[in-house]
Amino acid sequence: MIEKANIDDPEAIAALVNRFAEQQLMLPRPLHEIYDQLRDFYVYREDGDVLGCVALHISWKGLAEIRSLAVAEEARGQGVATRLIEACLDEARELGVPRVFTLTNIPDFFQRFGFSHYPKEELPHKIWSECIKCPKFPNCDEEALILDLQSDSSD
């Protein structure tokens, strides 16, 4: 089941995200940051356990970021990541956010939703406050992708 995260979820979200961060597959998220941004998160819950998460974070006027997408090994191959992304895109549309971006090592996955490559340098400078926390900074290997929700086929 995909639902908004609740006050009992931050530790499970941190454990899931930071498991992938240890493999340098995503940016680590300290527990206090997850609490601060809890309203950004969706979780996939199965039998009461959080087995997937993602966040939709408003970054700047007219721009939101999908980040911290993580799915536990035992839940992979079941469409969990797809449903988590769809939840974020639905919320972005409800909020009237015209564009959503992501920084990722798996661009093909996001391109299935209509995201396209975008020059990182053209993203607002505000996003770099996150990037400087990354152990790979300034040699980032992630690709920036963006989706224009005003022109997507769901209108």
Protein backbone atom coordinates (compact mmCIF):
# COMPACT_ATOMS: atom_id res chain seq x y z
CA MET A 1 0.00 0.00 0.00
CA ILE A 2 1.31 3.46 -0.96
CA GLU A 3 0.48 6.20 1.53
CA LYS A 4 1.84 9.38 3.03
CA ALA A 5 4.46 8.72 5.68
CA ASN A 6 3.39 9.11 9.29
CA ILE A 7 5.16 10.00 12.52
CA ASP A 8 6.13 6.36 13.13
CA ASP A 9 7.99 6.02 9.81
CA PRO A 10 11.18 8.16 9.96
CA GLU A 11 13.43 5.47 11.44
CA ALA A 12 12.34 2.94 8.81
CA ILE A 13 12.77 5.52 6.04
CA ALA A 14 16.25 6.42 7.31
CA ALA A 15 17.27 2.77 7.49
CA LEU A 16 16.06 2.11 3.95
CA VAL A 17 17.57 5.22 2.38
CA ASN A 18 20.84 4.98 4.24
CA ARG A 19 21.27 1.32 3.25
CA PHE A 20 21.47 2.53 -0.36
CA ALA A 21 23.54 5.58 0.61
CA GLU A 22 26.18 3.26 2.10
CA GLN A 23 26.51 1.80 -1.41
CA GLN A 24 26.81 5.36 -2.77
CA LEU A 25 23.59 4.91 -4.73
CA MET A 26 21.87 7.91 -3.15
CA LEU A 27 22.39 10.78 -0.76
CA PRO A 28 22.26 9.80 2.92
CA ARG A 29 19.45 11.30 4.98
CA PRO A 30 19.96 11.89 8.71
CA LEU A 31 17.00 11.09 10.92
CA HIS A 32 16.44 14.73 11.91
CA GLU A 33 16.16 15.68 8.23
CA ILE A 34 13.56 12.99 7.59
CA TYR A 35 11.52 14.29 10.53
CA ASP A 36 11.88 17.86 9.18
CA GLN A 37 10.68 16.77 5.75
CA LEU A 38 8.29 13.99 6.76
CA ARG A 39 5.40 15.57 4.87
CA ASP A 40 7.40 15.15 1.66
CA PHE A 41 7.52 11.36 1.98
CA TYR A 42 5.39 8.54 0.68
CA VAL A 43 5.96 4.99 1.84
CA TYR A 44 5.12 1.56 0.56
CA ARG A 45 3.89 -0.49 3.48
CA GLU A 46 3.45 -4.26 3.53
CA ASP A 47 2.29 -6.07 6.66
CA GLY A 48 3.08 -2.93 8.65
CA ASP A 49 6.69 -2.70 7.41
CA VAL A 50 8.05 0.16 5.30
CA LEU A 51 9.58 -1.50 2.24
CA GLY A 52 9.76 1.55 -0.02
CA CYS A 53 9.87 5.32 0.14
CA VAL A 54 10.15 8.44 -1.98
CA ALA A 55 9.90 12.17 -1.36
CA LEU A 56 8.42 15.01 -3.39
CA HIS A 57 10.26 18.12 -2.25
CA ILE A 58 9.28 21.62 -3.36
CA SER A 59 12.59 23.14 -4.45
CA TRP A 60 11.77 26.50 -5.91
CA LYS A 61 8.93 28.41 -7.50
CA GLY A 62 7.34 26.08 -10.03
CA LEU A 63 9.79 23.27 -9.40
CA ALA A 64 9.76 20.14 -7.24
CA GLU A 65 12.23 17.31 -6.87
CA ILE A 66 11.62 13.59 -6.59
CA ARG A 67 14.26 12.20 -4.27
CA SER A 68 15.11 9.42 -1.84
CA LEU A 69 13.47 6.72 -3.95
CA ALA A 70 14.33 3.43 -2.28
CA VAL A 71 12.74 -0.01 -2.41
CA ALA A 72 13.84 -2.91 -0.23
CA GLU A 73 15.20 -5.96 -2.03
CA GLU A 74 12.24 -8.12 -1.01
CA ALA A 75 9.78 -5.68 -2.62
CA ARG A 76 11.58 -5.21 -5.94
CA GLY A 77 10.02 -6.31 -9.19
CA GLN A 78 6.49 -5.67 -7.91
CA GLY A 79 5.97 -2.19 -9.37
CA VAL A 80 6.55 -0.46 -6.03
CA ALA A 81 8.93 2.18 -7.41
CA THR A 82 6.51 2.94 -10.23
CA ARG A 83 3.61 3.43 -7.82
CA LEU A 84 5.74 5.63 -5.55
CA ILE A 85 6.72 7.87 -8.49
CA GLU A 86 3.11 8.04 -9.68
CA ALA A 87 2.04 9.16 -6.19
CA CYS A 88 4.60 11.98 -6.31
CA LEU A 89 3.55 13.07 -9.79
CA ASP A 90 -0.12 13.03 -8.80
CA GLU A 91 0.64 15.22 -5.81
CA ALA A 92 2.73 17.60 -7.91
CA ARG A 93 -0.21 17.99 -10.29
CA GLU A 94 -2.60 18.58 -7.37
CA LEU A 95 -0.27 21.27 -6.03
CA GLY A 96 -0.02 22.91 -9.45
CA VAL A 97 3.73 22.31 -9.72
CA PRO A 98 4.55 22.73 -13.42
CA ARG A 99 7.93 20.93 -13.46
CA VAL A 100 9.46 18.05 -11.52
CA PHE A 101 13.10 17.05 -11.66
CA THR A 102 15.29 14.31 -10.30
CA LEU A 103 19.00 13.59 -10.03
CA THR A 104 19.55 9.90 -10.65
CA ASN A 105 21.81 7.06 -11.70
CA ILE A 106 18.85 5.28 -13.30
CA PRO A 107 17.65 7.70 -16.00
CA ASP A 108 15.93 4.98 -18.04
CA PHE A 109 13.49 4.35 -15.20
CA PHE A 110 12.44 8.00 -15.03
CA GLN A 111 12.27 8.36 -18.80
CA ARG A 112 9.40 5.84 -18.75
CA PHE A 113 7.36 8.56 -17.02
CA GLY A 114 8.27 11.16 -19.63
CA PHE A 115 11.28 12.70 -17.90
CA SER A 116 13.98 13.97 -20.23
CA HIS A 117 17.62 14.91 -19.76
CA TYR A 118 18.24 18.41 -18.46
CA PRO A 119 21.49 20.32 -17.88
CA LYS A 120 22.30 20.31 -14.15
CA GLU A 121 23.76 23.78 -14.46
CA GLU A 122 20.32 25.14 -15.36
CA LEU A 123 18.68 23.94 -12.14
CA PRO A 124 18.29 26.62 -9.44
CA HIS A 125 21.38 27.12 -7.28
CA LYS A 126 19.28 26.27 -4.23
CA ILE A 127 19.47 22.55 -5.10
CA TRP A 128 23.24 22.55 -4.74
CA SER A 129 22.84 22.94 -0.97
CA GLU A 130 21.91 19.25 -1.08
CA CYS A 131 24.69 18.29 -3.46
CA ILE A 132 27.48 19.55 -1.23
CA LYS A 133 26.44 16.92 1.32
CA CYS A 134 27.21 14.15 -1.16
CA PRO A 135 30.49 12.24 -0.87
CA LYS A 136 30.80 12.39 -4.67
CA PHE A 137 30.64 16.20 -4.79
CA PRO A 138 31.86 17.88 -6.99
CA ASN A 139 32.34 14.83 -9.24
CA CYS A 140 28.67 13.94 -9.49
CA ASP A 141 27.81 10.97 -11.67
CA GLU A 142 24.05 11.49 -11.47
CA GLU A 143 22.03 12.75 -14.38
CA ALA A 144 19.44 15.49 -14.14
CA LEU A 145 16.06 14.76 -15.67
CA ILE A 146 12.98 16.94 -15.77
CA LEU A 147 9.30 16.46 -16.52
CA ASP A 148 7.06 19.29 -17.68
CA LEU A 149 3.69 18.48 -16.14
CA GLN A 150 1.94 21.26 -18.04
CA SER A 151 2.54 19.49 -21.33
CA ASP A 152 2.31 15.84 -20.29
CA SER A 153 -0.38 13.56 -21.66
CA SER A 154 -2.40 13.44 -18.44
CA ASP A 155 -3.93 16.88 -18.99
